[in-house]
Protein backbone atom coordinates (compact mmCIF):
# COMPACT_ATOMS: atom_id res chain seq x y z
CA PRO A 1 -78.81 -83.03 54.12
CA LEU A 2 -76.50 -85.93 54.89
CA THR A 3 -77.78 -88.24 57.60
CA LEU A 4 -75.81 -88.98 60.78
CA GLU A 5 -75.09 -92.47 59.46
CA GLU A 6 -73.68 -91.06 56.20
CA VAL A 7 -71.46 -88.62 58.11
CA ARG A 8 -70.21 -91.52 60.23
CA MET A 9 -69.40 -93.49 57.06
CA LEU A 10 -67.45 -90.52 55.70
CA VAL A 11 -65.42 -90.21 58.90
CA GLU A 12 -64.68 -93.96 59.00
CA LEU A 13 -63.33 -93.90 55.44
CA PHE A 14 -60.76 -91.23 56.41
CA TYR A 15 -60.32 -91.91 60.12
CA LEU A 16 -56.62 -91.46 61.01
CA PRO A 17 -53.44 -91.81 58.93
CA TYR A 18 -52.58 -95.31 60.20
CA HIS A 19 -55.96 -96.37 61.62
CA HIS A 20 -59.19 -97.13 59.79
CA GLY A 21 -62.75 -96.72 60.93
CA ALA A 22 -65.10 -99.71 61.13
CA LEU A 23 -66.42 -99.36 57.55
CA ALA A 24 -62.96 -99.08 55.98
CA GLN A 25 -61.64 -101.97 58.07
CA GLU A 26 -64.56 -104.17 57.00
CA LEU A 27 -63.97 -103.33 53.32
CA LEU A 28 -60.30 -104.28 53.60
CA GLU A 29 -60.93 -107.49 55.54
CA HIS A 30 -63.55 -108.67 53.04
CA PHE A 31 -61.35 -107.85 50.04
CA ARG A 32 -58.27 -109.56 51.50
CA TRP A 33 -60.22 -112.69 52.38
CA LEU A 34 -62.03 -112.85 49.01
CA ARG A 35 -58.80 -112.54 47.08
CA ALA A 36 -56.98 -115.10 49.21
CA ASN A 37 -59.83 -117.63 48.94
CA SER A 38 -60.89 -117.04 45.33
CA LEU A 39 -59.78 -120.52 44.25
CA SER A 40 -62.78 -122.00 46.08
CA VAL A 41 -65.15 -120.55 43.47
CA GLY A 42 -65.35 -120.34 39.71
CA VAL A 43 -66.95 -122.32 36.91
CA PRO A 44 -66.00 -125.03 37.52
CA ALA A 45 -64.82 -124.61 41.10
CA THR A 46 -61.16 -125.48 41.57
CA ALA A 47 -61.83 -126.84 45.05
CA PRO A 48 -64.46 -129.50 45.82
CA ASP A 49 -65.52 -127.69 49.00
CA ALA A 50 -69.08 -126.57 48.24
CA CYS A 51 -69.42 -124.97 51.67
CA GLY A 52 -66.31 -122.90 50.98
CA GLY A 53 -67.84 -121.62 47.75
CA THR A 54 -71.08 -120.70 49.52
CA ARG A 55 -69.15 -118.85 52.21
CA TRP A 56 -67.09 -117.03 49.58
CA ARG A 57 -70.20 -115.87 47.73
CA GLY A 58 -71.78 -114.70 50.97
CA ARG A 59 -68.77 -112.54 51.81
CA ALA A 60 -68.61 -111.32 48.23
CA GLN A 61 -72.22 -110.15 48.53
CA SER A 62 -71.39 -108.31 51.76
CA PHE A 63 -68.44 -106.64 50.04
CA GLN A 64 -70.63 -105.61 47.10
CA LEU A 65 -73.15 -104.02 49.46
CA LEU A 66 -70.43 -102.04 51.26
CA CYS A 67 -69.05 -100.83 47.92
CA ALA A 68 -72.54 -99.80 46.78
CA GLN A 69 -73.12 -97.90 50.04
CA THR A 70 -69.86 -96.00 49.58
CA CYS A 71 -70.71 -95.13 45.96
CA ARG A 72 -74.10 -93.85 47.11
CA LEU A 73 -72.34 -91.81 49.81
CA HIS A 74 -70.23 -90.14 47.10
CA SER A 75 -73.37 -89.32 45.10
CA ARG A 76 -75.19 -87.96 48.16
CA PHE A 77 -72.16 -85.93 49.27
CA VAL A 78 -71.92 -84.22 45.86
CA SER A 79 -75.65 -83.42 45.96
CA THR A 80 -75.87 -82.10 49.52
CA ALA A 81 -72.51 -80.82 50.82
CA GLY A 82 -71.76 -77.10 50.90
CA ARG A 83 -69.44 -75.95 48.11
CA ALA A 84 -66.42 -75.29 50.36
CA LEU A 85 -66.67 -78.69 52.06
CA LEU A 86 -67.39 -80.41 48.74
CA TYR A 87 -64.26 -79.13 47.03
CA ASP A 88 -62.13 -79.91 50.10
CA LEU A 89 -63.20 -83.53 50.49
CA HIS A 90 -64.49 -84.57 47.07
CA PRO A 91 -61.09 -85.59 45.58
CA TYR A 92 -60.59 -88.17 48.35
CA LEU A 93 -64.11 -89.57 48.20
CA TRP A 94 -64.00 -89.63 44.40
CA ASP A 95 -60.77 -91.66 44.51
CA ILE A 96 -62.32 -94.19 46.88
CA ARG A 97 -65.48 -94.42 44.74
CA ASN A 98 -63.42 -95.18 41.62
CA MET A 99 -61.29 -97.74 43.45
CA LEU A 100 -64.35 -99.54 44.85
CA LEU A 101 -66.05 -99.62 41.42
CA ALA A 102 -63.01 -101.51 40.10
CA ALA A 103 -62.58 -103.72 43.21
CA SER A 104 -66.27 -104.65 43.25
CA ALA A 105 -66.23 -105.65 39.56
CA PHE A 106 -63.00 -107.62 40.08
CA VAL A 107 -64.55 -109.60 42.95
CA LEU A 108 -67.62 -110.31 40.81
CA TRP A 109 -65.30 -111.48 38.04
CA LEU A 110 -63.47 -113.82 40.42
CA GLY A 111 -66.80 -115.41 41.31
CA CYS A 112 -68.07 -116.07 37.78
CA GLN A 113 -64.93 -116.82 35.77
CA SER A 114 -64.37 -120.10 33.98
CA ILE A 115 -60.59 -120.04 34.45
CA THR A 116 -58.29 -120.29 37.45
CA ALA A 117 -56.78 -116.97 38.49
CA PRO A 118 -53.33 -117.27 40.07
CA ILE A 119 -53.46 -113.51 40.88
CA LEU A 120 -49.87 -112.69 40.04
CA LEU A 121 -48.72 -109.62 41.88
CA GLY A 122 -45.01 -109.53 41.05
CA ARG A 123 -42.56 -107.77 43.32
CA ASP A 124 -43.80 -105.15 45.75
CA ALA A 125 -43.66 -101.50 44.79
CA GLU A 126 -41.50 -99.15 46.82
CA PRO A 127 -43.43 -97.93 49.90
CA TRP A 128 -43.21 -94.30 48.78
CA ALA A 129 -44.80 -95.11 45.40
CA ARG A 130 -48.28 -95.70 46.83
CA ARG A 131 -50.59 -93.33 48.57
CA GLY A 132 -51.43 -93.99 52.19
CA GLY A 133 -54.77 -94.61 53.83
CA LEU A 134 -57.59 -96.80 52.59
CA PHE A 135 -56.94 -95.94 48.93
CA GLY A 136 -53.36 -97.21 49.08
CA GLU A 137 -54.30 -100.44 50.85
CA LEU A 138 -57.07 -101.19 48.36
CA GLN A 139 -54.68 -100.43 45.50
CA ALA A 140 -52.16 -102.93 46.86
CA LEU A 141 -54.81 -105.68 46.78
CA LEU A 142 -55.50 -105.32 43.04
CA PRO A 143 -53.29 -107.39 40.70
CA VAL A 144 -52.18 -104.16 38.95
CA GLY A 145 -51.55 -102.40 42.28
CA ASN A 146 -47.83 -101.99 41.58
CA SER A 147 -48.49 -100.02 38.38
CA CYS A 148 -48.84 -96.80 40.33
CA ASP A 149 -49.27 -94.54 37.29
CA LEU A 150 -52.67 -96.17 36.66
CA PHE A 151 -54.02 -94.70 39.90
CA TYR A 152 -53.00 -91.05 39.74
CA HIS A 153 -55.41 -88.76 37.94
CA PRO A 154 -56.88 -85.37 38.90
CA PRO A 155 -60.53 -85.19 39.98
CA PRO A 156 -63.06 -83.48 37.69
CA LEU A 157 -63.49 -79.73 37.96
CA PHE A 158 -67.26 -80.22 38.20
CA PRO A 159 -68.18 -83.11 40.54
CA SER A 160 -71.02 -85.33 39.36
CA SER A 161 -73.50 -87.20 41.54
CA GLN A 162 -74.15 -89.82 38.82
CA LEU A 163 -74.27 -93.37 40.20
CA TYR A 164 -72.47 -96.08 38.23
CA LEU A 165 -72.48 -99.87 38.34
CA LEU A 166 -69.47 -101.74 36.97
CA ARG A 167 -69.69 -105.50 36.47
CA PRO A 168 -68.36 -108.32 34.31
CA LEU A 169 -70.47 -109.78 31.54
CA LEU A 170 -72.62 -112.31 33.41
CA PRO A 171 -74.19 -115.59 32.27
CA LEU A 172 -77.57 -113.88 32.56
CA ASP A 173 -76.65 -111.60 29.67
CA LYS A 174 -78.41 -113.16 26.72
CA LEU A 175 -75.96 -114.16 23.99
CA GLY A 176 -76.87 -114.21 20.32
CA HIS A 177 -76.44 -116.85 17.66
CA GLU A 178 -74.70 -117.60 14.35
CA GLY A 179 -71.26 -116.75 15.68
CA GLU A 180 -72.05 -113.08 16.07
CA GLY A 181 -71.82 -113.07 19.84
CA CYS A 182 -74.26 -110.17 20.06
CA SER A 183 -76.07 -109.64 23.35
CA GLU A 184 -78.70 -107.30 24.73
CA VAL A 185 -75.88 -105.46 26.49
CA SER A 186 -74.02 -105.11 23.19
CA GLN A 187 -77.12 -103.79 21.46
CA GLY A 188 -77.65 -101.24 24.23
CA LEU A 189 -74.03 -100.11 24.01
CA GLN A 190 -74.25 -99.96 20.23
CA ALA A 191 -77.17 -97.56 20.45
CA GLN A 192 -75.53 -95.46 23.17
CA LEU A 193 -72.26 -95.16 21.26
CA SER A 194 -74.04 -94.19 18.03
CA CYS A 195 -72.96 -97.21 15.98
CA ALA A 196 -75.08 -98.80 13.27
CA PRO A 197 -78.08 -100.41 15.03
CA ALA A 198 -78.40 -103.07 12.35
CA LEU A 199 -74.95 -104.49 13.05
CA PRO A 200 -74.46 -104.65 16.81
CA GLY A 201 -71.73 -107.27 16.39
CA ARG A 202 -69.36 -104.62 15.11
CA LEU A 203 -68.62 -103.20 18.54
CA LEU A 204 -68.12 -106.28 20.72
CA GLY A 205 -69.03 -109.28 18.60
CA SER A 206 -65.59 -110.90 18.39
CA PHE A 207 -64.91 -110.42 22.12
CA LEU A 208 -68.33 -111.73 23.17
CA SER A 209 -67.88 -114.79 20.96
CA LEU A 210 -64.21 -115.58 21.59
CA SER A 211 -63.30 -113.95 24.94
CA PRO A 212 -66.47 -113.24 26.97
CA GLU A 213 -64.69 -113.88 30.30
CA TYR A 214 -62.77 -110.60 29.89
CA THR A 215 -65.70 -108.32 29.11
CA PHE A 216 -66.93 -105.68 31.58
CA VAL A 217 -69.97 -103.40 31.40
CA LEU A 218 -70.46 -99.93 32.87
CA GLU A 219 -74.05 -98.90 33.60
CA ASP A 220 -75.70 -95.72 34.84
CA GLU A 221 -79.34 -94.88 35.46
CA GLY A 222 -79.91 -94.80 31.69
CA GLY A 223 -78.57 -98.32 31.11
CA PRO A 224 -75.30 -99.57 29.58
CA CYS A 225 -72.94 -96.65 28.95
CA GLY A 226 -69.48 -98.18 28.63
CA TYR A 227 -67.54 -101.37 28.10
CA ALA A 228 -64.09 -102.87 28.47
CA ALA A 229 -63.19 -106.03 26.57
CA GLY A 230 -59.96 -107.98 26.35
CA ALA A 231 -58.27 -111.12 25.09
CA LEU A 232 -55.61 -112.72 27.28
CA HIS A 233 -53.71 -114.31 24.37
CA ALA A 234 -54.11 -111.78 21.57
CA GLU A 235 -52.26 -113.81 18.92
CA GLY A 236 -54.61 -116.80 19.20
CA PHE A 237 -57.62 -114.51 19.53
CA LEU A 238 -56.78 -112.61 16.33
CA GLN A 239 -56.13 -115.83 14.41
CA GLN A 240 -59.48 -117.27 15.51
CA ARG A 241 -61.24 -114.00 14.71
CA ASP A 242 -59.84 -113.92 11.18
CA SER A 243 -60.28 -117.63 10.42
CA SER A 244 -63.76 -118.33 11.84
CA TRP A 245 -65.58 -115.33 13.27
CA LEU A 246 -65.06 -112.83 10.43
CA PRO A 247 -66.03 -115.28 7.62
CA ALA A 248 -69.29 -116.06 9.44
CA ILE A 249 -70.07 -112.36 9.88
CA ARG A 250 -69.23 -111.58 6.24
CA HIS A 251 -71.57 -114.31 5.11
CA LYS A 252 -74.35 -112.89 7.29
CA TYR A 253 -73.75 -109.31 6.17
CA PRO A 254 -72.83 -109.36 2.43
CA PRO A 255 -71.20 -106.29 0.85
CA ASP A 256 -74.42 -105.19 -0.87
CA LEU A 257 -76.38 -105.04 2.41
CA GLY A 258 -75.70 -101.32 2.79
CA ALA A 259 -77.60 -100.56 -0.41
CA GLY A 260 -80.99 -101.46 1.05
CA GLY A 261 -81.32 -99.86 4.45
CA PRO A 262 -82.12 -96.12 4.25
CA ALA A 263 -84.44 -96.38 7.24
CA LEU A 264 -81.56 -97.49 9.44
CA GLY A 265 -79.18 -94.75 8.39
CA GLN A 266 -77.55 -95.38 5.02
CA ASP A 267 -74.10 -94.03 5.84
CA ALA A 268 -73.78 -95.83 9.17
CA LEU A 269 -74.96 -99.12 7.68
CA GLU A 270 -72.57 -98.94 4.74
CA GLU A 271 -69.71 -98.00 7.04
CA ALA A 272 -70.42 -100.99 9.32
CA VAL A 273 -70.59 -103.41 6.36
CA LEU A 274 -67.31 -102.04 5.02
CA PHE A 275 -65.79 -102.50 8.47
CA PHE A 276 -66.56 -106.24 8.42
CA HIS A 277 -65.33 -106.72 4.85
CA ALA A 278 -62.11 -104.73 5.22
CA GLU A 279 -59.01 -106.85 5.71
CA PRO A 280 -57.77 -106.33 9.31
CA LEU A 281 -54.23 -105.07 9.71
CA ALA A 282 -51.73 -107.61 11.00
CA VAL A 283 -50.20 -106.93 14.41
CA PRO A 284 -46.36 -107.03 14.29
CA GLN A 285 -44.80 -109.94 16.15
CA PRO A 286 -42.59 -107.69 18.35
CA VAL A 287 -45.77 -106.05 19.66
CA LEU A 288 -47.40 -109.40 20.42
CA ARG A 289 -44.26 -110.63 22.21
CA ARG A 290 -43.99 -107.57 24.43
CA PHE A 291 -47.72 -106.95 24.90
CA PRO A 292 -49.46 -110.34 24.64
CA SER A 293 -53.01 -109.15 25.50
CA LEU A 294 -55.49 -107.07 23.49
CA VAL A 295 -57.89 -104.54 25.05
CA GLN A 296 -60.70 -102.37 23.77
CA LEU A 297 -62.64 -99.79 25.80
CA GLY A 298 -65.31 -97.20 25.13
CA THR A 299 -67.96 -95.08 26.84
CA ALA A 300 -71.04 -93.20 25.71
CA PRO A 301 -70.69 -89.42 25.21
CA ARG A 302 -72.77 -88.81 28.34
CA VAL A 303 -70.08 -90.36 30.57
CA LEU A 304 -68.13 -87.22 31.44
CA ASP A 305 -66.55 -88.59 34.64
CA VAL A 306 -63.13 -89.91 33.66
CA GLY A 307 -63.03 -91.77 36.99
CA ALA A 308 -65.65 -94.24 35.76
CA SER A 309 -63.62 -94.84 32.59
CA ARG A 310 -60.48 -95.37 34.68
CA SER A 311 -62.33 -97.92 36.81
CA LEU A 312 -63.29 -99.79 33.63
CA ALA A 313 -59.64 -99.97 32.62
CA LEU A 314 -58.50 -100.98 36.11
CA CYS A 315 -60.86 -103.96 36.43
CA LEU A 316 -60.04 -105.24 32.92
CA LEU A 317 -56.28 -104.89 33.46
CA SER A 318 -56.61 -106.55 36.89
CA ALA A 319 -58.42 -109.54 35.36
CA LEU A 320 -55.79 -109.94 32.63
CA ARG A 321 -52.90 -109.49 35.07
CA ALA A 322 -54.46 -112.00 37.48
CA ASN A 323 -54.08 -114.64 34.77
CA GLY A 324 -50.49 -113.81 33.92
CA SER A 325 -50.61 -111.06 31.27
CA ARG A 326 -47.53 -108.86 31.34
CA GLY A 327 -48.69 -106.17 28.90
CA VAL A 328 -51.60 -104.99 26.77
CA PHE A 329 -52.12 -103.05 23.55
CA CYS A 330 -55.15 -101.63 21.74
CA GLN A 331 -55.82 -101.04 18.05
CA VAL A 332 -57.12 -97.61 17.06
CA SER A 333 -57.53 -96.11 13.61
CA ASP A 334 -55.54 -92.89 13.23
CA ALA A 335 -58.72 -91.36 11.79
CA ASP A 336 -60.85 -92.23 14.84
CA ARG A 337 -60.52 -88.97 16.75
CA GLN A 338 -63.11 -90.00 19.34
CA GLN A 339 -61.24 -93.14 20.41
CA LEU A 340 -57.85 -91.42 20.29
CA SER A 341 -59.20 -88.72 22.59
CA PHE A 342 -60.74 -91.32 24.91
CA TYR A 343 -57.50 -93.29 25.34
CA SER A 344 -55.50 -90.07 25.72
CA LYS A 345 -57.73 -88.96 28.59
CA LEU A 346 -57.16 -92.34 30.24
CA GLY A 347 -53.42 -91.69 30.04
């Protein structure tokens, strides 16, 4: 059963309509302070105050721990609560879990980025547009907090106790060579998403090489199970991809490579080689003017909780918005039913 401490945490998250319990108040205070003082960290730091950076990282670690505790509370609640209580309270706790997954990853991103984030919020949304309570206050602190339609989605019919970790691509993730930008994370995702194991660069290679600062990874107990990748300035990114990254990949994987790999799955290998050698479709200029940033997301089939996928999208969009993006687009083949279904479920 739930411990007394876990019950206290649950009560403090949903204390009173206009008053928060100690846990919720601490989460909000940490998040507000970290966002307001984010310019004291980064690579390189934008402020020479080394003590300020150390203090920021200490509070960021405290915030991460509180988020992890709340995510564990959600998992424990699903596993132990009686059915009637579970279905009464789960939608609220599930919302908070998803919000904290995104907020935690966004704070991690602020601490390891190599660019200065102005955190542009734009004009405030109408008060009635946001939900109240802790969820609404956390939403308001994210750079995309005014895009209220991003935050409204029904909870799953069958609650899951699966624990997730959402984080940006970190310097510790080992990057590959020869312009492929392939990492251990990418290889793990490639295997989980059933792509050709011989060509892990197909999934995330261009983003890992040309825009690694906007790449996020979703992990569960089985390892990497989802990703979100973006490019702040899509036009420059696509030009660089076509002029330097693709030629290097095509040289590494010649068209006849698919003829000699039956052990790796002939069809998948040939399909991946064809993918690299196909001429990418040009993005119309009106699209690039209105939606200047490019995004790409995906999860493994075992990720059934759409809340985790939503959190992936939220943290990526928050990072792009924090640096001034005013719109995003994604490229999907009309024959790729899996990706079309995935983006449709995200709304």
